[in-house]
Amino acid sequence: MLMKWLPTAILFTGLLYIFFIPEEPLTIKIMFKVIPMLLILLYACTTGGTHDRYQSLILLGLFFCMLGDGLLIWFVIGLSAFLIGHLFYISAFFKLWTFSWLRFATILPIIIYSTWIGREIVLALIEKGENSLIIPVICYVTVISLMGWAAFMTGNAAAIIGGVLFVISDSILSWNKFIEDVAFSDPLIMLTYYTAQFFMARSIRMSPSFHLSKGSKRELPIK
């Protein structure tokens, strides 16, 4: 019963935060921002049935991203929490590595895209005199790009969707924050972000270890 209603609760609280919670007071804003992530964490805890290594790593990734949500008002601290979360996602995805030349080849467009957007952000930071952010931003762009590629290498559809949406969300956030205003940036960032995190949690249910623990056939990866 809990599993049945959790996605609805995640959707409701996410939309509530995005469209109805005011900017002030800040503590209330942060609290409602974190609630959907708490529900996604609960969904990830209950979706697998057994706490295998993949599930544990995804849970840690979700937890540190939730910390990043709350701490992003201190940008570098929040960014660091998200970076740690991505490292846990990368570790989880490499556990599901299923080689395919087609999926491996996605590294090329990912490198091209991350190099381009990273360069644009760095140039904007130099122009604004915010040189202290250059190294943290380069590190983050590198890690999230690796996370996106690692998601493709799992062959797990939910992980791939989650990884791509996370990159999209952070790209909109970065462009809006450092380069120029993006129309409807706030709802676009949070809609793609919450959806990405939900699919990260959903990937546990689609992982081979979940299916084997349930006694069913191993799910075939996406080629």
C-alpha atoms as a PDB file:
ATOM      1  CA  MET A   1       0.000   0.000   0.000  1.00  0.00           C
ATOM      2  CA  LEU A   2       2.826   2.404   0.895  1.00  0.00           C
ATOM      3  CA  MET A   3       4.596   1.755  -2.411  1.00  0.00           C
ATOM      4  CA  LYS A   4       1.353   2.420  -4.283  1.00  0.00           C
ATOM      5  CA  TRP A   5       0.863   5.909  -2.856  1.00  0.00           C
ATOM      6  CA  LEU A   6       4.459   7.128  -2.545  1.00  0.00           C
ATOM      7  CA  PRO A   7       4.860   8.226  -6.211  1.00  0.00           C
ATOM      8  CA  THR A   8       1.630  10.247  -5.897  1.00  0.00           C
ATOM      9  CA  ALA A   9       2.881  11.834  -2.668  1.00  0.00           C
ATOM     10  CA  ILE A  10       6.226  12.653  -4.318  1.00  0.00           C
ATOM     11  CA  LEU A  11       4.438  14.273  -7.263  1.00  0.00           C
ATOM     12  CA  PHE A  12       2.075  16.263  -5.005  1.00  0.00           C
ATOM     13  CA  THR A  13       4.765  17.582  -2.658  1.00  0.00           C
ATOM     14  CA  GLY A  14       7.086  18.363  -5.549  1.00  0.00           C
ATOM     15  CA  LEU A  15       4.442  20.414  -7.380  1.00  0.00           C
ATOM     16  CA  LEU A  16       3.448  22.060  -4.104  1.00  0.00           C
ATOM     17  CA  TYR A  17       7.031  23.226  -3.554  1.00  0.00           C
ATOM     18  CA  ILE A  18       7.594  24.341  -7.153  1.00  0.00           C
ATOM     19  CA  PHE A  19       4.398  26.309  -7.703  1.00  0.00           C
ATOM     20  CA  PHE A  20       2.958  27.302  -4.332  1.00  0.00           C
ATOM     21  CA  ILE A  21       5.621  27.712  -1.626  1.00  0.00           C
ATOM     22  CA  PRO A  22       6.797  31.369  -1.363  1.00  0.00           C
ATOM     23  CA  GLU A  23      10.439  32.391  -1.234  1.00  0.00           C
ATOM     24  CA  GLU A  24      10.102  33.645   2.341  1.00  0.00           C
ATOM     25  CA  PRO A  25      10.519  32.585   5.050  1.00  0.00           C
ATOM     26  CA  LEU A  26      13.611  30.715   3.862  1.00  0.00           C
ATOM     27  CA  THR A  27      13.401  27.949   6.483  1.00  0.00           C
ATOM     28  CA  ILE A  28       9.892  27.013   5.315  1.00  0.00           C
ATOM     29  CA  LYS A  29      11.038  27.115   1.690  1.00  0.00           C
ATOM     30  CA  ILE A  30      13.946  24.740   2.402  1.00  0.00           C
ATOM     31  CA  MET A  31      11.746  22.407   4.449  1.00  0.00           C
ATOM     32  CA  PHE A  32       9.243  22.003   1.616  1.00  0.00           C
ATOM     33  CA  LYS A  33      12.099  21.631  -0.866  1.00  0.00           C
ATOM     34  CA  VAL A  34      13.467  18.661   1.079  1.00  0.00           C
ATOM     35  CA  ILE A  35      10.136  16.869   1.672  1.00  0.00           C
ATOM     36  CA  PRO A  36       9.919  15.347  -1.846  1.00  0.00           C
ATOM     37  CA  MET A  37      13.493  14.062  -1.448  1.00  0.00           C
ATOM     38  CA  LEU A  38      12.615  12.456   1.887  1.00  0.00           C
ATOM     39  CA  LEU A  39       9.728  10.675   0.162  1.00  0.00           C
ATOM     40  CA  ILE A  40      12.000   9.609  -2.714  1.00  0.00           C
ATOM     41  CA  LEU A  41      14.445   8.223  -0.142  1.00  0.00           C
ATOM     42  CA  LEU A  42      11.587   6.296   1.464  1.00  0.00           C
ATOM     43  CA  TYR A  43      10.561   5.021  -1.972  1.00  0.00           C
ATOM     44  CA  ALA A  44      14.139   3.869  -2.600  1.00  0.00           C
ATOM     45  CA  CYS A  45      14.236   2.145   0.796  1.00  0.00           C
ATOM     46  CA  THR A  46      11.034   0.192   0.167  1.00  0.00           C
ATOM     47  CA  THR A  47      11.302  -0.491  -3.561  1.00  0.00           C
ATOM     48  CA  GLY A  48      14.000  -3.159  -3.490  1.00  0.00           C
ATOM     49  CA  GLY A  49      12.978  -5.413  -0.653  1.00  0.00           C
ATOM     50  CA  THR A  50      16.613  -6.238   0.102  1.00  0.00           C
ATOM     51  CA  HIS A  51      19.405  -3.783   0.854  1.00  0.00           C
ATOM     52  CA  ASP A  52      21.924  -4.947  -1.733  1.00  0.00           C
ATOM     53  CA  ARG A  53      25.031  -2.941  -2.574  1.00  0.00           C
ATOM     54  CA  TYR A  54      23.437  -1.100  -5.489  1.00  0.00           C
ATOM     55  CA  GLN A  55      20.475   0.005  -3.407  1.00  0.00           C
ATOM     56  CA  SER A  56      22.735   1.191  -0.586  1.00  0.00           C
ATOM     57  CA  LEU A  57      24.834   3.311  -2.963  1.00  0.00           C
ATOM     58  CA  ILE A  58      21.747   4.873  -4.559  1.00  0.00           C
ATOM     59  CA  LEU A  59      20.372   5.652  -1.099  1.00  0.00           C
ATOM     60  CA  LEU A  60      23.621   7.390  -0.175  1.00  0.00           C
ATOM     61  CA  GLY A  61      23.507   9.359  -3.425  1.00  0.00           C
ATOM     62  CA  LEU A  62      19.941  10.464  -2.713  1.00  0.00           C
ATOM     63  CA  PHE A  63      20.843  11.400   0.858  1.00  0.00           C
ATOM     64  CA  PHE A  64      23.769  13.624  -0.115  1.00  0.00           C
ATOM     65  CA  CYS A  65      21.735  15.260  -2.871  1.00  0.00           C
ATOM     66  CA  MET A  66      19.062  15.980  -0.273  1.00  0.00           C
ATOM     67  CA  LEU A  67      21.752  17.623   1.859  1.00  0.00           C
ATOM     68  CA  GLY A  68      22.743  19.625  -1.200  1.00  0.00           C
ATOM     69  CA  ASP A  69      19.143  20.835  -1.524  1.00  0.00           C
ATOM     70  CA  GLY A  70      19.198  22.232   1.985  1.00  0.00           C
ATOM     71  CA  LEU A  71      22.735  23.621   1.853  1.00  0.00           C
ATOM     72  CA  LEU A  72      22.702  25.199  -1.607  1.00  0.00           C
ATOM     73  CA  ILE A  73      22.164  28.638  -0.056  1.00  0.00           C
ATOM     74  CA  TRP A  74      25.892  28.251   0.721  1.00  0.00           C
ATOM     75  CA  PHE A  75      26.755  27.455  -2.890  1.00  0.00           C
ATOM     76  CA  VAL A  76      30.111  25.680  -2.567  1.00  0.00           C
ATOM     77  CA  ILE A  77      28.919  23.587   0.414  1.00  0.00           C
ATOM     78  CA  GLY A  78      25.745  22.561  -1.393  1.00  0.00           C
ATOM     79  CA  LEU A  79      27.709  21.875  -4.578  1.00  0.00           C
ATOM     80  CA  SER A  80      30.100  19.664  -2.601  1.00  0.00           C
ATOM     81  CA  ALA A  81      27.192  17.653  -1.187  1.00  0.00           C
ATOM     82  CA  PHE A  82      25.803  17.126  -4.682  1.00  0.00           C
ATOM     83  CA  LEU A  83      29.255  16.129  -5.937  1.00  0.00           C
ATOM     84  CA  ILE A  84      29.515  13.456  -3.220  1.00  0.00           C
ATOM     85  CA  GLY A  85      26.038  12.268  -4.183  1.00  0.00           C
ATOM     86  CA  HIS A  86      27.151  11.880  -7.796  1.00  0.00           C
ATOM     87  CA  LEU A  87      30.186   9.868  -6.693  1.00  0.00           C
ATOM     88  CA  PHE A  88      27.839   7.404  -4.982  1.00  0.00           C
ATOM     89  CA  TYR A  89      25.668   7.260  -8.113  1.00  0.00           C
ATOM     90  CA  ILE A  90      28.756   6.567 -10.224  1.00  0.00           C
ATOM     91  CA  SER A  91      29.809   3.761  -7.864  1.00  0.00           C
ATOM     92  CA  ALA A  92      26.306   2.272  -8.072  1.00  0.00           C
ATOM     93  CA  PHE A  93      26.145   2.501 -11.863  1.00  0.00           C
ATOM     94  CA  PHE A  94      29.523   0.866 -12.359  1.00  0.00           C
ATOM     95  CA  LYS A  95      28.197  -2.098 -10.369  1.00  0.00           C
ATOM     96  CA  LEU A  96      25.584  -2.584 -13.123  1.00  0.00           C
ATOM     97  CA  TRP A  97      28.092  -2.078 -15.969  1.00  0.00           C
ATOM     98  CA  THR A  98      26.956  -3.985 -19.047  1.00  0.00           C
ATOM     99  CA  PHE A  99      29.177  -3.228 -22.010  1.00  0.00           C
ATOM    100  CA  SER A 100      27.732  -2.119 -25.312  1.00  0.00           C
ATOM    101  CA  TRP A 101      29.651  -0.233 -28.003  1.00  0.00           C
ATOM    102  CA  LEU A 102      26.578   1.902 -28.719  1.00  0.00           C
ATOM    103  CA  ARG A 103      26.250   2.971 -25.085  1.00  0.00           C
ATOM    104  CA  PHE A 104      30.029   3.343 -24.738  1.00  0.00           C
ATOM    105  CA  ALA A 105      30.001   5.749 -27.688  1.00  0.00           C
ATOM    106  CA  THR A 106      27.782   8.169 -25.735  1.00  0.00           C
ATOM    107  CA  ILE A 107      31.000   9.298 -24.037  1.00  0.00           C
ATOM    108  CA  LEU A 108      31.816  11.383 -27.149  1.00  0.00           C
ATOM    109  CA  PRO A 109      28.728  13.665 -27.141  1.00  0.00           C
ATOM    110  CA  ILE A 110      28.931  13.860 -23.346  1.00  0.00           C
ATOM    111  CA  ILE A 111      32.564  15.072 -23.530  1.00  0.00           C
ATOM    112  CA  ILE A 112      31.693  17.585 -26.264  1.00  0.00           C
ATOM    113  CA  TYR A 113      28.710  18.925 -24.316  1.00  0.00           C
ATOM    114  CA  SER A 114      30.452  19.084 -20.929  1.00  0.00           C
ATOM    115  CA  THR A 115      33.492  20.797 -22.468  1.00  0.00           C
ATOM    116  CA  TRP A 116      31.290  23.397 -24.154  1.00  0.00           C
ATOM    117  CA  ILE A 117      29.102  24.226 -21.160  1.00  0.00           C
ATOM    118  CA  GLY A 118      32.067  24.086 -18.779  1.00  0.00           C
ATOM    119  CA  ARG A 119      33.938  26.573 -20.961  1.00  0.00           C
ATOM    120  CA  GLU A 120      30.915  28.894 -21.090  1.00  0.00           C
ATOM    121  CA  ILE A 121      30.547  28.838 -17.311  1.00  0.00           C
ATOM    122  CA  VAL A 122      34.266  29.411 -16.691  1.00  0.00           C
ATOM    123  CA  LEU A 123      34.320  32.379 -19.086  1.00  0.00           C
ATOM    124  CA  ALA A 124      31.300  33.845 -17.312  1.00  0.00           C
ATOM    125  CA  LEU A 125      32.976  33.375 -13.926  1.00  0.00           C
ATOM    126  CA  ILE A 126      36.161  35.086 -15.143  1.00  0.00           C
ATOM    127  CA  GLU A 127      34.116  37.974 -16.537  1.00  0.00           C
ATOM    128  CA  LYS A 128      32.340  38.391 -13.178  1.00  0.00           C
ATOM    129  CA  GLY A 129      35.576  38.068 -11.204  1.00  0.00           C
ATOM    130  CA  GLU A 130      34.394  34.944  -9.374  1.00  0.00           C
ATOM    131  CA  ASN A 131      37.628  33.030  -9.954  1.00  0.00           C
ATOM    132  CA  SER A 132      37.321  31.136  -6.672  1.00  0.00           C
ATOM    133  CA  LEU A 133      34.408  29.169  -8.165  1.00  0.00           C
ATOM    134  CA  ILE A 134      36.266  27.994 -11.273  1.00  0.00           C
ATOM    135  CA  ILE A 135      37.875  24.865  -9.767  1.00  0.00           C
ATOM    136  CA  PRO A 136      34.725  23.715  -7.889  1.00  0.00           C
ATOM    137  CA  VAL A 137      32.634  24.189 -11.025  1.00  0.00           C
ATOM    138  CA  ILE A 138      35.104  22.311 -13.259  1.00  0.00           C
ATOM    139  CA  CYS A 139      35.202  19.435 -10.756  1.00  0.00           C
ATOM    140  CA  TYR A 140      31.422  19.309 -10.615  1.00  0.00           C
ATOM    141  CA  VAL A 141      30.970  19.399 -14.400  1.00  0.00           C
ATOM    142  CA  THR A 142      33.486  16.557 -14.724  1.00  0.00           C
ATOM    143  CA  VAL A 143      31.826  14.397 -12.085  1.00  0.00           C
ATOM    144  CA  ILE A 144      28.242  14.905 -13.264  1.00  0.00           C
ATOM    145  CA  SER A 145      29.347  14.149 -16.843  1.00  0.00           C
ATOM    146  CA  LEU A 146      30.918  10.902 -15.658  1.00  0.00           C
ATOM    147  CA  MET A 147      27.721  10.117 -13.762  1.00  0.00           C
ATOM    148  CA  GLY A 148      25.655  10.629 -16.911  1.00  0.00           C
ATOM    149  CA  TRP A 149      27.930   8.341 -18.935  1.00  0.00           C
ATOM    150  CA  ALA A 150      28.010   5.709 -16.186  1.00  0.00           C
ATOM    151  CA  ALA A 151      24.195   5.744 -16.183  1.00  0.00           C
ATOM    152  CA  PHE A 152      24.203   4.885 -19.899  1.00  0.00           C
ATOM    153  CA  MET A 153      26.630   2.026 -19.279  1.00  0.00           C
ATOM    154  CA  THR A 154      24.205   0.324 -16.878  1.00  0.00           C
ATOM    155  CA  GLY A 155      21.684  -0.419 -19.613  1.00  0.00           C
ATOM    156  CA  ASN A 156      19.107   0.349 -16.911  1.00  0.00           C
ATOM    157  CA  ALA A 157      16.386   2.547 -18.437  1.00  0.00           C
ATOM    158  CA  ALA A 158      15.487   4.276 -15.162  1.00  0.00           C
ATOM    159  CA  ALA A 159      19.137   5.047 -14.377  1.00  0.00           C
ATOM    160  CA  ILE A 160      19.654   6.475 -17.864  1.00  0.00           C
ATOM    161  CA  ILE A 161      16.555   8.692 -17.631  1.00  0.00           C
ATOM    162  CA  GLY A 162      17.622   9.815 -14.158  1.00  0.00           C
ATOM    163  CA  GLY A 163      21.167  10.607 -15.265  1.00  0.00           C
ATOM    164  CA  VAL A 164      20.085  12.561 -18.364  1.00  0.00           C
ATOM    165  CA  LEU A 165      17.464  14.575 -16.474  1.00  0.00           C
ATOM    166  CA  PHE A 166      19.968  15.402 -13.726  1.00  0.00           C
ATOM    167  CA  VAL A 167      22.401  16.771 -16.313  1.00  0.00           C
ATOM    168  CA  ILE A 168      19.592  18.804 -17.915  1.00  0.00           C
ATOM    169  CA  SER A 169      18.493  20.193 -14.544  1.00  0.00           C
ATOM    170  CA  ASP A 170      21.993  21.250 -13.544  1.00  0.00           C
ATOM    171  CA  SER A 171      22.662  22.684 -17.004  1.00  0.00           C
ATOM    172  CA  ILE A 172      19.625  24.968 -16.717  1.00  0.00           C
ATOM    173  CA  LEU A 173      20.621  25.932 -13.167  1.00  0.00           C
ATOM    174  CA  SER A 174      24.216  26.720 -14.178  1.00  0.00           C
ATOM    175  CA  TRP A 175      23.258  28.671 -17.289  1.00  0.00           C
ATOM    176  CA  ASN A 176      20.685  30.688 -15.361  1.00  0.00           C
ATOM    177  CA  LYS A 177      23.020  31.363 -12.434  1.00  0.00           C
ATOM    178  CA  PHE A 178      26.248  32.174 -14.243  1.00  0.00           C
ATOM    179  CA  ILE A 179      25.537  33.102 -17.873  1.00  0.00           C
ATOM    180  CA  GLU A 180      22.084  34.548 -18.555  1.00  0.00           C
ATOM    181  CA  ASP A 181      18.500  34.282 -17.340  1.00  0.00           C
ATOM    182  CA  VAL A 182      16.508  31.271 -18.537  1.00  0.00           C
ATOM    183  CA  ALA A 183      12.751  31.686 -18.875  1.00  0.00           C
ATOM    184  CA  PHE A 184      10.821  29.660 -16.273  1.00  0.00           C
ATOM    185  CA  SER A 185      14.146  28.443 -14.896  1.00  0.00           C
ATOM    186  CA  ASP A 186      12.924  27.626 -11.380  1.00  0.00           C
ATOM    187  CA  PRO A 187      10.113  25.224 -12.368  1.00  0.00           C
ATOM    188  CA  LEU A 188      12.227  23.702 -15.152  1.00  0.00           C
ATOM    189  CA  ILE A 189      15.150  23.060 -12.783  1.00  0.00           C
ATOM    190  CA  MET A 190      13.041  21.487 -10.049  1.00  0.00           C
ATOM    191  CA  LEU A 191      10.731  19.476 -12.318  1.00  0.00           C
ATOM    192  CA  THR A 192      13.688  17.835 -14.062  1.00  0.00           C
ATOM    193  CA  TYR A 193      15.549  17.469 -10.742  1.00  0.00           C
ATOM    194  CA  TYR A 194      12.774  15.728  -8.794  1.00  0.00           C
ATOM    195  CA  THR A 195      11.984  13.508 -11.791  1.00  0.00           C
ATOM    196  CA  ALA A 196      15.673  12.599 -12.085  1.00  0.00           C
ATOM    197  CA  GLN A 197      15.881  11.627  -8.422  1.00  0.00           C
ATOM    198  CA  PHE A 198      12.684   9.583  -8.655  1.00  0.00           C
ATOM    199  CA  PHE A 199      14.140   7.593 -11.554  1.00  0.00           C
ATOM    200  CA  MET A 200      17.393   7.108  -9.628  1.00  0.00           C
ATOM    201  CA  ALA A 201      15.308   5.486  -6.894  1.00  0.00           C
ATOM    202  CA  ARG A 202      13.254   3.607  -9.496  1.00  0.00           C
ATOM    203  CA  SER A 203      16.435   2.126 -10.990  1.00  0.00           C
ATOM    204  CA  ILE A 204      16.746  -0.075  -7.890  1.00  0.00           C
ATOM    205  CA  ARG A 205      13.609  -1.935  -8.880  1.00  0.00           C
ATOM    206  CA  MET A 206      14.970  -2.400 -12.396  1.00  0.00           C
ATOM    207  CA  SER A 207      18.410  -3.603 -11.274  1.00  0.00           C
ATOM    208  CA  PRO A 208      19.297  -7.281 -11.865  1.00  0.00           C
ATOM    209  CA  SER A 209      19.837  -7.953  -8.152  1.00  0.00           C
ATOM    210  CA  PHE A 210      16.264  -6.898  -7.387  1.00  0.00           C
ATOM    211  CA  HIS A 211      14.839  -9.279  -9.970  1.00  0.00           C
ATOM    212  CA  LEU A 212      17.079 -12.118  -8.840  1.00  0.00           C
ATOM    213  CA  SER A 213      16.119 -11.533  -5.205  1.00  0.00           C
ATOM    214  CA  LYS A 214      12.466 -11.826  -6.236  1.00  0.00           C
ATOM    215  CA  GLY A 215      13.171 -15.064  -8.043  1.00  0.00           C
ATOM    216  CA  SER A 216      12.302 -13.697 -11.461  1.00  0.00           C
ATOM    217  CA  LYS A 217      14.339 -13.576 -14.628  1.00  0.00           C
ATOM    218  CA  ARG A 218      17.198 -11.156 -14.897  1.00  0.00           C
ATOM    219  CA  GLU A 219      16.111  -8.082 -16.791  1.00  0.00           C
ATOM    220  CA  LEU A 220      17.895  -7.583 -20.058  1.00  0.00           C
ATOM    221  CA  PRO A 221      19.864  -4.360 -20.399  1.00  0.00           C
ATOM    222  CA  ILE A 222      19.143  -1.773 -23.071  1.00  0.00           C
ATOM    223  CA  LYS A 223      21.411  -2.324 -26.044  1.00  0.00           C
END
